[in-house]
């Protein structure tokens, strides 16, 4: 009887721990992005951009967790999510927290991430990943130098296809870089879309 009780308690502890760890790993599920989705849809309609879906990147989330979200306006839900890098932001000043959290700057050559809304532009050749990149056109004062800085959407072999928390994703020079596998999915989606797609980085 004591043995059965011990096994039961051990099983309960393991299951409880598994649920706890799962909740921690997928903590982004608990975030309410409804106001961003509403604003994004209104923005897309007002500016003649694609109103079927958009990309939301939440840099307040640990880089080892999924934080690149594809939101479908019609289905009103996130249909895919993966890892994405942020910039090291350590060129003009020391950035000791660069792995733990994203730091933002619009300054040229800063290697920082840039907050705000972007219009995804032309498809082009990249020397990274699957050799495909999309130009990003900053639509706000916080990201107006995106083209000049060549901050683009591309893939990188070093980015994992799955969550790696508590480890961190590699640091970029400001580009939102994703895994090769995810970039292939994004590329197929973007090639079939007639109007410009909105990419929005928040934190």
Protein backbone atom coordinates (compact mmCIF):
# COMPACT_ATOMS: atom_id res chain seq x y z
CA UNK A 1 0.00 0.00 0.00
CA UNK A 2 2.81 2.38 0.93
CA UNK A 3 4.53 1.58 -2.38
CA UNK A 4 1.37 2.38 -4.38
CA UNK A 5 0.95 5.64 -2.47
CA UNK A 6 4.58 6.57 -3.22
CA UNK A 7 4.12 5.84 -6.94
CA UNK A 8 0.93 7.90 -7.02
CA UNK A 9 2.58 10.88 -5.32
CA UNK A 10 5.60 10.66 -7.62
CA UNK A 11 3.34 10.52 -10.70
CA UNK A 12 1.30 13.51 -9.47
CA UNK A 13 4.45 15.54 -8.86
CA UNK A 14 5.83 14.76 -12.32
CA UNK A 15 2.56 15.63 -14.05
CA UNK A 16 2.25 18.86 -12.06
CA UNK A 17 5.82 19.80 -12.94
CA UNK A 18 5.24 18.95 -16.61
CA UNK A 19 2.18 21.23 -16.75
CA UNK A 20 4.07 24.00 -14.94
CA UNK A 21 7.01 23.79 -17.34
CA UNK A 22 4.69 23.69 -20.33
CA UNK A 23 2.87 26.79 -19.13
CA UNK A 24 6.18 28.59 -18.67
CA UNK A 25 7.41 27.59 -22.11
CA UNK A 26 4.21 28.75 -23.79
CA UNK A 27 3.62 31.81 -21.64
CA UNK A 28 3.03 33.88 -24.78
CA UNK A 29 -0.28 32.03 -25.18
CA UNK A 30 -1.55 33.86 -22.11
CA UNK A 31 -0.89 37.32 -23.53
CA UNK A 32 -3.81 39.30 -24.88
CA UNK A 33 -2.86 40.81 -28.25
CA UNK A 34 -6.43 41.75 -29.20
CA UNK A 35 -5.78 45.51 -29.25
CA UNK A 36 -2.78 44.99 -31.56
CA UNK A 37 -4.83 42.80 -33.89
CA UNK A 38 -7.61 45.40 -34.04
CA UNK A 39 -5.20 48.25 -34.69
CA UNK A 40 -3.30 46.21 -37.27
CA UNK A 41 -6.47 45.40 -39.23
CA UNK A 42 -7.60 49.03 -39.20
CA UNK A 43 -4.13 50.14 -40.31
CA UNK A 44 -4.02 47.62 -43.15
CA UNK A 45 -7.44 48.65 -44.46
CA UNK A 46 -6.63 52.35 -44.19
CA UNK A 47 -3.31 51.97 -46.03
CA UNK A 48 -4.40 49.45 -48.69
CA UNK A 49 -2.28 46.64 -47.23
CA UNK A 50 -3.06 42.95 -46.99
CA UNK A 51 -6.04 42.48 -44.65
CA UNK A 52 -5.99 38.67 -44.52
CA UNK A 53 -3.07 38.33 -42.11
CA UNK A 54 -0.10 40.15 -40.57
CA UNK A 55 3.09 39.36 -38.65
CA UNK A 56 3.39 40.35 -34.99
CA UNK A 57 6.82 40.05 -33.31
CA UNK A 58 6.79 40.44 -29.53
CA UNK A 59 10.33 41.18 -28.35
CA UNK A 60 9.27 41.30 -24.70
CA UNK A 61 9.29 37.48 -24.86
CA UNK A 62 12.47 35.46 -24.21
CA UNK A 63 14.31 34.81 -27.50
CA UNK A 64 14.29 31.08 -26.81
CA UNK A 65 10.49 31.06 -26.99
CA UNK A 66 8.19 31.55 -29.94
CA UNK A 67 7.57 35.26 -30.46
CA UNK A 68 7.04 35.64 -34.23
CA UNK A 69 3.29 35.24 -34.75
CA UNK A 70 1.24 35.01 -37.94
CA UNK A 71 -2.23 36.31 -37.14
CA UNK A 72 -5.13 35.51 -39.47
CA UNK A 73 -7.65 38.35 -39.46
CA UNK A 74 -10.45 36.22 -40.91
CA UNK A 75 -9.98 33.28 -38.53
CA UNK A 76 -9.20 35.71 -35.69
CA UNK A 77 -6.39 33.58 -34.35
CA UNK A 78 -2.63 32.99 -34.48
CA UNK A 79 -2.04 30.33 -37.14
CA UNK A 80 1.72 29.90 -36.74
CA UNK A 81 4.49 30.97 -34.38
CA UNK A 82 8.26 30.50 -34.26
CA UNK A 83 11.53 31.89 -32.94
CA UNK A 84 13.04 35.15 -34.19
CA UNK A 85 16.27 37.00 -33.41
CA UNK A 86 16.81 40.55 -32.17
CA UNK A 87 19.77 42.89 -32.60
CA UNK A 88 22.83 42.90 -30.37
CA UNK A 89 22.78 46.72 -30.02
CA UNK A 90 26.35 46.86 -28.69
CA UNK A 91 28.17 49.02 -31.23
CA UNK A 92 28.01 52.50 -29.67
CA UNK A 93 27.68 51.44 -26.04
CA UNK A 94 28.04 48.34 -23.94
CA UNK A 95 24.92 46.21 -23.80
CA UNK A 96 25.35 43.62 -21.06
CA UNK A 97 21.69 42.56 -21.25
CA UNK A 98 21.69 41.94 -25.00
CA UNK A 99 20.83 38.25 -24.65
CA UNK A 100 18.10 38.73 -22.05
CA UNK A 101 16.16 41.55 -23.68
CA UNK A 102 15.98 43.50 -26.91
CA UNK A 103 17.23 47.08 -26.97
CA UNK A 104 15.95 49.49 -29.61
CA UNK A 105 17.47 52.26 -31.70
CA UNK A 106 16.87 53.79 -35.12
CA UNK A 107 20.52 54.86 -35.34
CA UNK A 108 22.39 53.66 -38.43
CA UNK A 109 25.04 50.97 -37.75
CA UNK A 110 23.80 50.48 -34.17
CA UNK A 111 22.94 46.78 -34.69
CA UNK A 112 19.85 47.38 -32.57
CA UNK A 113 16.34 46.10 -33.13
CA UNK A 114 13.73 48.67 -34.14
CA UNK A 115 10.18 48.82 -32.83
CA UNK A 116 7.17 49.72 -34.91
CA UNK A 117 5.22 48.89 -38.03
CA UNK A 118 6.92 47.84 -41.27
CA UNK A 119 5.69 47.25 -44.78
CA UNK A 120 7.20 44.07 -46.21
CA UNK A 121 8.69 45.01 -49.57
CA UNK A 122 10.36 43.25 -52.47
CA UNK A 123 11.69 39.71 -52.39
CA UNK A 124 15.46 39.62 -53.02
CA UNK A 125 18.56 37.43 -52.81
CA UNK A 126 20.16 36.88 -49.41
CA UNK A 127 23.58 35.43 -48.63
CA UNK A 128 22.03 33.92 -45.47
CA UNK A 129 19.88 30.84 -44.89
CA UNK A 130 17.71 29.83 -47.85
CA UNK A 131 19.06 32.83 -49.82
CA UNK A 132 15.79 34.75 -49.70
CA UNK A 133 15.16 38.07 -48.01
CA UNK A 134 12.34 40.59 -47.94
CA UNK A 135 13.06 44.29 -47.66
CA UNK A 136 11.44 45.99 -44.68
CA UNK A 137 10.23 49.58 -45.00
CA UNK A 138 9.90 51.31 -41.65
CA UNK A 139 6.62 53.20 -41.32
CA UNK A 140 7.36 55.04 -38.08
CA UNK A 141 10.04 57.35 -36.63
CA UNK A 142 11.33 54.39 -34.59
CA UNK A 143 12.27 52.36 -37.68
CA UNK A 144 12.66 54.84 -40.54
CA UNK A 145 16.27 53.76 -41.25
CA UNK A 146 15.40 50.11 -41.93
CA UNK A 147 16.25 50.19 -45.64
CA UNK A 148 19.44 52.19 -45.10
CA UNK A 149 20.52 49.74 -42.39
CA UNK A 150 19.50 46.76 -44.56
CA UNK A 151 17.36 45.43 -41.73
CA UNK A 152 15.50 42.71 -43.63
CA UNK A 153 13.45 39.58 -43.01
CA UNK A 154 15.64 36.55 -43.74
CA UNK A 155 16.56 33.11 -42.44
CA UNK A 156 19.70 31.95 -40.66
CA UNK A 157 21.00 28.41 -40.18
CA UNK A 158 21.75 29.20 -36.52
CA UNK A 159 18.09 29.83 -35.65
CA UNK A 160 16.28 26.76 -34.31
CA UNK A 161 13.02 25.46 -35.71
CA UNK A 162 11.75 24.77 -32.18
CA UNK A 163 11.73 26.57 -28.85
CA UNK A 164 15.05 26.32 -27.00
CA UNK A 165 14.21 28.06 -23.71
CA UNK A 166 16.05 28.62 -21.36
CA UNK A 167 18.74 28.97 -24.04
CA UNK A 168 18.75 32.10 -26.22
CA UNK A 169 18.46 32.52 -29.95
CA UNK A 170 21.55 34.02 -31.64
CA UNK A 171 21.85 37.79 -31.92
CA UNK A 172 21.54 39.61 -35.24
CA UNK A 173 22.57 43.08 -36.41
CA UNK A 174 18.99 44.22 -36.13
CA UNK A 175 17.32 41.85 -38.60
CA UNK A 176 14.39 39.68 -37.55
CA UNK A 177 15.99 36.40 -38.65
CA UNK A 178 14.08 33.12 -38.50
CA UNK A 179 14.83 29.46 -39.11
CA UNK A 180 15.23 28.17 -42.67
CA UNK A 181 12.12 26.02 -42.31
CA UNK A 182 9.98 28.94 -41.13
CA UNK A 183 11.36 31.23 -43.82
CA UNK A 184 10.29 28.75 -46.47
CA UNK A 185 6.74 28.87 -45.07
CA UNK A 186 6.81 32.69 -44.93
CA UNK A 187 8.20 32.90 -48.43
CA UNK A 188 5.43 30.73 -49.88
CA UNK A 189 2.82 32.81 -48.09
CA UNK A 190 4.28 36.15 -49.14
CA UNK A 191 4.70 35.11 -52.79
CA UNK A 192 0.97 34.43 -52.98
CA UNK A 193 -0.06 37.76 -51.43
CA UNK A 194 -0.86 40.65 -53.77
CA UNK A 195 -0.90 43.54 -51.31
CA UNK A 196 1.97 44.53 -48.97
CA UNK A 197 1.99 42.68 -45.66
CA UNK A 198 2.32 44.40 -42.29
CA UNK A 199 5.08 43.32 -39.90
CA UNK A 200 4.83 44.87 -36.45
CA UNK A 201 7.55 44.66 -33.78
CA UNK A 202 6.41 45.36 -30.22
CA UNK A 203 7.97 44.97 -26.78
